[in-house]
């Protein structure tokens, strides 16, 4: 199957970008993040898109970016936290090596804090994160080839756990 060697999914702040870059380095491939693709294409931040156009418009932009990246990227690909909400996207992930990076709410609050750049956590982040995860956890699990907990682990440990879970060898 063509497409990414590994796809990373999980909630905001879980470490997809950090772990994705480490994985790509260790596998000798290129790293790509669909959130970065969106920012580059749109010329504005994701938070600005949410504020200017709303979540539905952002999700349509995100869906197009994810579908394009899945079709053309062959390295490690990180998807935005909500990309798995789209049924078509979940369908496209079938057959790919997908790693769901998981974490609990306390770890999420430590990592994301009250970050204004995260529009879905603007008010009462702890409660909103719990609600987001209640809505999304089963979708992450549905697409995952492997689940790798990140709580209390350094990025290098998470990267090794992902390599082990997928039985991939370093380049």
Protein backbone atom coordinates (compact mmCIF):
# COMPACT_ATOMS: atom_id res chain seq x y z
CA UNK A 1 0.00 0.00 0.00
CA UNK A 2 1.31 3.43 -0.87
CA UNK A 3 0.98 6.38 1.44
CA UNK A 4 2.53 7.14 4.80
CA UNK A 5 4.78 4.65 6.56
CA UNK A 6 3.16 5.68 9.87
CA UNK A 7 0.18 7.93 10.67
CA UNK A 8 -0.10 9.48 14.14
CA UNK A 9 -3.46 10.37 15.66
CA UNK A 10 -4.48 11.59 19.08
CA UNK A 11 -5.70 14.62 20.99
CA UNK A 12 -4.13 18.06 20.90
CA UNK A 13 -1.03 18.33 23.02
CA UNK A 14 -0.31 14.59 23.10
CA UNK A 15 3.02 15.02 21.28
CA UNK A 16 2.20 14.00 17.71
CA UNK A 17 4.59 16.59 16.26
CA UNK A 18 7.48 15.80 18.59
CA UNK A 19 7.09 12.02 18.36
CA UNK A 20 6.42 12.26 14.62
CA UNK A 21 9.69 14.08 14.01
CA UNK A 22 11.61 11.57 16.15
CA UNK A 23 9.96 8.62 14.40
CA UNK A 24 10.76 10.05 10.97
CA UNK A 25 14.37 10.61 12.00
CA UNK A 26 14.73 7.07 13.32
CA UNK A 27 13.03 5.53 10.28
CA UNK A 28 15.00 7.67 7.81
CA UNK A 29 11.91 9.24 6.24
CA UNK A 30 10.31 12.70 5.99
CA UNK A 31 7.90 14.06 8.62
CA UNK A 32 4.71 15.91 7.68
CA UNK A 33 1.92 17.43 9.77
CA UNK A 34 -1.46 18.21 8.21
CA UNK A 35 -1.93 21.15 10.61
CA UNK A 36 1.26 22.68 9.16
CA UNK A 37 -0.07 22.02 5.64
CA UNK A 38 -3.29 23.88 6.49
CA UNK A 39 -1.45 26.88 7.95
CA UNK A 40 0.84 27.05 4.88
CA UNK A 41 -2.04 26.74 2.40
CA UNK A 42 -4.41 29.10 4.20
CA UNK A 43 -1.79 31.66 5.25
CA UNK A 44 -3.22 31.89 8.77
CA UNK A 45 -3.30 29.92 11.99
CA UNK A 46 -5.85 27.23 12.76
CA UNK A 47 -7.18 29.42 15.59
CA UNK A 48 -7.76 32.24 13.07
CA UNK A 49 -9.64 29.89 10.74
CA UNK A 50 -11.86 28.78 13.66
CA UNK A 51 -12.56 32.39 14.66
CA UNK A 52 -13.06 33.72 11.11
CA UNK A 53 -15.01 30.84 9.58
CA UNK A 54 -16.05 28.43 12.33
CA UNK A 55 -15.34 24.78 13.04
CA UNK A 56 -17.33 23.37 10.09
CA UNK A 57 -15.28 25.37 7.58
CA UNK A 58 -12.05 24.34 9.29
CA UNK A 59 -13.06 20.66 9.21
CA UNK A 60 -13.69 20.87 5.44
CA UNK A 61 -10.22 22.41 4.93
CA UNK A 62 -8.72 19.78 7.24
CA UNK A 63 -10.43 16.90 5.40
CA UNK A 64 -8.96 18.05 2.08
CA UNK A 65 -5.49 18.45 3.61
CA UNK A 66 -5.58 14.99 5.21
CA UNK A 67 -6.81 13.27 2.05
CA UNK A 68 -4.06 14.97 0.01
CA UNK A 69 -1.35 14.02 2.53
CA UNK A 70 -2.54 10.40 2.75
CA UNK A 71 -2.38 10.15 -1.04
CA UNK A 72 1.06 11.68 -1.56
CA UNK A 73 3.18 11.42 1.61
CA UNK A 74 5.31 8.33 2.24
CA UNK A 75 6.98 9.18 5.54
CA UNK A 76 5.53 9.84 8.99
CA UNK A 77 2.28 11.81 8.96
CA UNK A 78 0.66 13.50 11.96
CA UNK A 79 -3.03 14.39 11.77
CA UNK A 80 -4.77 17.15 13.69
CA UNK A 81 -6.64 16.05 16.80
CA UNK A 82 -10.07 16.23 15.17
CA UNK A 83 -9.23 14.78 11.76
CA UNK A 84 -10.67 11.39 12.76
CA UNK A 85 -14.13 12.95 13.21
CA UNK A 86 -14.64 12.65 9.45
CA UNK A 87 -16.01 9.26 8.38
CA UNK A 88 -14.32 9.41 4.95
CA UNK A 89 -10.98 10.12 6.60
CA UNK A 90 -11.41 7.16 8.96
CA UNK A 91 -12.16 5.01 5.91
CA UNK A 92 -8.98 6.15 4.19
CA UNK A 93 -6.93 5.17 7.27
CA UNK A 94 -7.94 1.51 6.94
CA UNK A 95 -4.88 -0.49 5.97
CA UNK A 96 -2.40 2.13 7.18
CA UNK A 97 -0.15 1.80 10.24
CA UNK A 98 -1.93 4.19 12.59
CA UNK A 99 -0.60 4.95 16.06
CA UNK A 100 -3.01 6.49 18.55
CA UNK A 101 -0.97 8.46 21.09
CA UNK A 102 -3.10 8.56 24.23
CA UNK A 103 -2.98 10.53 27.49
CA UNK A 104 -5.22 11.19 30.47
CA UNK A 105 -6.82 14.51 31.37
CA UNK A 106 -4.25 15.52 34.00
CA UNK A 107 -1.41 15.06 31.52
CA UNK A 108 -3.39 16.98 28.89
CA UNK A 109 -3.90 19.94 31.20
CA UNK A 110 -0.19 19.95 32.07
CA UNK A 111 0.75 19.94 28.39
CA UNK A 112 -1.87 22.28 26.90
CA UNK A 113 -2.64 24.46 29.90
CA UNK A 114 -4.81 27.41 29.01
CA UNK A 115 -3.28 27.78 25.58
CA UNK A 116 -5.24 30.37 23.58
CA UNK A 117 -3.99 28.79 20.34
CA UNK A 118 -6.30 25.84 21.06
CA UNK A 119 -9.75 27.22 20.25
CA UNK A 120 -11.64 24.13 21.40
CA UNK A 121 -10.19 24.50 24.91
CA UNK A 122 -10.78 28.23 25.36
CA UNK A 123 -13.17 27.95 28.33
CA UNK A 124 -12.74 25.42 31.18
CA UNK A 125 -10.03 23.37 29.43
CA UNK A 126 -10.20 20.37 31.80
CA UNK A 127 -13.97 19.90 31.27
CA UNK A 128 -13.77 20.57 27.53
CA UNK A 129 -10.86 18.15 27.08
CA UNK A 130 -12.81 15.41 28.89
CA UNK A 131 -15.83 16.04 26.66
CA UNK A 132 -13.69 16.04 23.50
CA UNK A 133 -12.12 12.74 24.52
CA UNK A 134 -15.49 11.18 25.33
CA UNK A 135 -16.57 12.05 21.79
CA UNK A 136 -13.31 11.04 20.10
CA UNK A 137 -11.62 8.21 22.04
CA UNK A 138 -13.59 5.44 20.31
CA UNK A 139 -12.76 7.00 16.91
CA UNK A 140 -9.03 7.08 17.69
CA UNK A 141 -9.27 3.46 18.82
CA UNK A 142 -11.27 2.52 15.70
CA UNK A 143 -8.51 3.68 13.32
CA UNK A 144 -5.54 2.60 15.45
CA UNK A 145 -3.21 -0.24 14.59
CA UNK A 146 -1.50 0.43 17.95
CA UNK A 147 -2.26 2.52 21.03
CA UNK A 148 0.76 4.07 22.76
CA UNK A 149 0.20 5.83 26.11
CA UNK A 150 2.29 8.98 26.53
CA UNK A 151 1.56 9.80 30.19
CA UNK A 152 4.73 10.39 32.19
CA UNK A 153 6.94 9.31 29.27
CA UNK A 154 9.65 11.23 27.47
CA UNK A 155 9.23 11.66 23.69
CA UNK A 156 12.08 9.18 23.06
CA UNK A 157 10.28 6.52 25.15
CA UNK A 158 7.02 7.09 23.25
CA UNK A 159 8.88 6.89 19.94
CA UNK A 160 10.48 3.57 20.92
CA UNK A 161 7.11 2.22 22.11
CA UNK A 162 5.56 3.15 18.73
CA UNK A 163 8.41 1.46 16.83
CA UNK A 164 8.03 -1.65 19.01
CA UNK A 165 4.23 -1.72 18.67
CA UNK A 166 4.45 -1.53 14.88
CA UNK A 167 7.47 -3.85 14.74
CA UNK A 168 9.35 -1.32 12.59
CA UNK A 169 13.11 -1.28 12.31
CA UNK A 170 15.17 1.88 12.35
CA UNK A 171 16.89 3.02 9.17
